[in-house]
C-alpha atoms as a PDB file:
ATOM      1  CA  MET A   1    -105.189 -70.675 -95.628  1.00  0.00           C
ATOM      2  CA  ALA A   2    -104.628 -68.062 -93.517  1.00  0.00           C
ATOM      3  CA  LYS A   3    -107.292 -65.984 -91.696  1.00  0.00           C
ATOM      4  CA  ARG A   4    -108.447 -62.659 -93.106  1.00  0.00           C
ATOM      5  CA  ARG A   5    -107.885 -61.289 -89.774  1.00  0.00           C
ATOM      6  CA  ASP A   6    -103.892 -62.222 -89.746  1.00  0.00           C
ATOM      7  CA  LEU A   7    -103.591 -61.073 -93.474  1.00  0.00           C
ATOM      8  CA  LYS A   8    -105.151 -57.544 -92.407  1.00  0.00           C
ATOM      9  CA  GLU A   9    -102.691 -57.357 -89.182  1.00  0.00           C
ATOM     10  CA  TYR A  10     -99.619 -58.681 -91.448  1.00  0.00           C
ATOM     11  CA  VAL A  11    -100.816 -55.582 -93.703  1.00  0.00           C
ATOM     12  CA  ASN A  12    -101.021 -53.043 -91.323  1.00  0.00           C
ATOM     13  CA  PHE A  13     -97.842 -54.285 -89.431  1.00  0.00           C
ATOM     14  CA  ILE A  14     -95.805 -53.717 -92.901  1.00  0.00           C
ATOM     15  CA  MET A  15     -97.247 -50.322 -93.600  1.00  0.00           C
ATOM     16  CA  GLU A  16     -96.721 -49.189 -90.242  1.00  0.00           C
ATOM     17  CA  HIS A  17     -93.249 -50.273 -90.788  1.00  0.00           C
ATOM     18  CA  LEU A  18     -93.313 -48.414 -93.705  1.00  0.00           C
ATOM     19  CA  HIS A  19     -94.656 -45.475 -92.396  1.00  0.00           C
ATOM     20  CA  PHE A  20     -91.791 -45.371 -89.775  1.00  0.00           C
ATOM     21  CA  TYR A  21     -89.119 -46.089 -91.881  1.00  0.00           C
ATOM     22  CA  CYS A  22     -90.198 -42.939 -94.213  1.00  0.00           C
ATOM     23  CA  GLU A  23     -90.456 -40.806 -90.820  1.00  0.00           C
ATOM     24  CA  VAL A  24     -86.900 -41.791 -89.643  1.00  0.00           C
ATOM     25  CA  CYS A  25     -85.931 -40.623 -93.310  1.00  0.00           C
ATOM     26  CA  SER A  26     -87.411 -37.637 -92.863  1.00  0.00           C
ATOM     27  CA  TYR A  27     -85.195 -36.255 -90.128  1.00  0.00           C
ATOM     28  CA  LEU A  28     -81.593 -36.865 -92.488  1.00  0.00           C
ATOM     29  CA  PRO A  29     -80.510 -33.569 -93.611  1.00  0.00           C
ATOM     30  CA  GLU A  30     -79.918 -34.822 -97.377  1.00  0.00           C
ATOM     31  CA  VAL A  31     -83.877 -35.790 -97.714  1.00  0.00           C
ATOM     32  CA  ASP A  32     -86.548 -33.405 -99.219  1.00  0.00           C
ATOM     33  CA  LYS A  33     -89.298 -33.218 -96.790  1.00  0.00           C
ATOM     34  CA  VAL A  34     -91.834 -32.286 -98.755  1.00  0.00           C
ATOM     35  CA  LYS A  35     -91.207 -35.409-101.161  1.00  0.00           C
ATOM     36  CA  ILE A  36     -90.905 -37.446 -98.390  1.00  0.00           C
ATOM     37  CA  GLN A  37     -93.772 -36.438 -96.906  1.00  0.00           C
ATOM     38  CA  GLU A  38     -95.722 -36.875-100.013  1.00  0.00           C
ATOM     39  CA  LEU A  39     -94.640 -40.578 -99.824  1.00  0.00           C
ATOM     40  CA  MET A  40     -95.727 -41.160 -96.353  1.00  0.00           C
ATOM     41  CA  ASP A  41     -99.135 -39.938 -97.136  1.00  0.00           C
ATOM     42  CA  GLU A  42     -99.572 -42.333 -99.873  1.00  0.00           C
ATOM     43  CA  ILE A  43     -99.190 -45.393 -96.964  1.00  0.00           C
ATOM     44  CA  PRO A  44    -102.667 -45.068 -95.452  1.00  0.00           C
ATOM     45  CA  GLY A  45    -104.343 -45.395 -99.174  1.00  0.00           C
ATOM     46  CA  ILE A  46    -101.886 -48.173-100.057  1.00  0.00           C
ATOM     47  CA  ARG A  47    -103.147 -50.136 -96.903  1.00  0.00           C
ATOM     48  CA  THR A  48    -106.586 -49.189 -97.680  1.00  0.00           C
ATOM     49  CA  GLU A  49    -106.070 -50.975-100.723  1.00  0.00           C
ATOM     50  CA  PHE A  50    -104.947 -53.817-100.062  1.00  0.00           C
ATOM     51  CA  ILE A  51    -107.111 -54.043 -96.751  1.00  0.00           C
ATOM     52  CA  SER A  52    -110.234 -53.957 -99.205  1.00  0.00           C
ATOM     53  CA  ARG A  53    -108.864 -56.596-101.221  1.00  0.00           C
ATOM     54  CA  ILE A  54    -108.846 -59.197 -98.539  1.00  0.00           C
ATOM     55  CA  ASN A  55    -112.193 -58.342 -97.727  1.00  0.00           C
ATOM     56  CA  HIS A  56    -113.626 -59.176-101.124  1.00  0.00           C
ATOM     57  CA  THR A  57    -111.998 -62.200-102.020  1.00  0.00           C
ATOM     58  CA  GLU A  58    -112.530 -64.226-105.420  1.00  0.00           C
ATOM     59  CA  PRO A  59    -114.694 -66.798-104.970  1.00  0.00           C
ATOM     60  CA  GLY A  60    -113.729 -69.752-106.456  1.00  0.00           C
ATOM     61  CA  ASN A  61    -110.539 -68.546-106.988  1.00  0.00           C
ATOM     62  CA  VAL A  62    -109.114 -68.160-103.735  1.00  0.00           C
ATOM     63  CA  LYS A  63    -105.517 -69.548-104.000  1.00  0.00           C
ATOM     64  CA  ASN A  64    -104.578 -67.723-107.044  1.00  0.00           C
ATOM     65  CA  PHE A  65    -106.448 -64.795-105.619  1.00  0.00           C
ATOM     66  CA  TYR A  66    -104.075 -64.699-102.557  1.00  0.00           C
ATOM     67  CA  LYS A  67    -100.952 -65.902-105.055  1.00  0.00           C
ATOM     68  CA  LYS A  68    -101.956 -62.426-106.739  1.00  0.00           C
ATOM     69  CA  PHE A  69    -102.300 -60.350-103.541  1.00  0.00           C
ATOM     70  CA  HIS A  70     -98.872 -61.223-101.710  1.00  0.00           C
ATOM     71  CA  ALA A  71     -97.160 -60.745-105.215  1.00  0.00           C
ATOM     72  CA  ASP A  72     -98.809 -57.426-105.610  1.00  0.00           C
ATOM     73  CA  LEU A  73     -98.366 -56.252-101.844  1.00  0.00           C
ATOM     74  CA  ARG A  74     -94.474 -57.202-102.204  1.00  0.00           C
ATOM     75  CA  ASP A  75     -94.080 -55.263-105.404  1.00  0.00           C
ATOM     76  CA  LYS A  76     -95.901 -52.400-103.754  1.00  0.00           C
ATOM     77  CA  VAL A  77     -93.556 -52.318-100.467  1.00  0.00           C
ATOM     78  CA  LYS A  78     -90.157 -52.713-102.537  1.00  0.00           C
ATOM     79  CA  GLU A  79     -91.353 -49.630-104.351  1.00  0.00           C
ATOM     80  CA  ILE A  80     -92.053 -47.507-101.680  1.00  0.00           C
ATOM     81  CA  SER A  81     -89.017 -48.590 -99.799  1.00  0.00           C
ATOM     82  CA  ASP A  82     -86.947 -47.853-103.308  1.00  0.00           C
ATOM     83  CA  ARG A  83     -88.808 -44.743-103.415  1.00  0.00           C
ATOM     84  CA  ALA A  84     -88.065 -43.651-100.034  1.00  0.00           C
ATOM     85  CA  ASP A  85     -83.896 -45.130-100.510  1.00  0.00           C
ATOM     86  CA  SER A  86     -83.583 -43.037-103.916  1.00  0.00           C
ATOM     87  CA  LEU A  87     -84.834 -39.708-101.746  1.00  0.00           C
ATOM     88  CA  ILE A  88     -81.366 -40.451 -99.581  1.00  0.00           C
ATOM     89  CA  GLY A  89     -78.896 -41.204-101.877  1.00  0.00           C
ATOM     90  CA  LYS A  90     -79.185 -44.958-101.465  1.00  0.00           C
ATOM     91  CA  ALA A  91     -81.007 -45.924-104.903  1.00  0.00           C
ATOM     92  CA  GLU A  92     -79.029 -48.799-106.719  1.00  0.00           C
END
């Protein structure tokens, strides 16, 4: 099992990159600045949610807890990146 500190660093790394991606998107002329700013404002809250989940691991069910944690993180990152892509017209 990975250390909690490593997982927190991983979450911070991912959220920083998502924020940077949204910031880069905000400089494109066809992007709605208000919507991309709202998306960027959501990222710190999502980061806090996942960090707090790391701090409160379910005792007795650690393996399944971290499997669900990684699945939820992956889904949330995909959701945010898809929303950013849809704002710049790259949605599939």
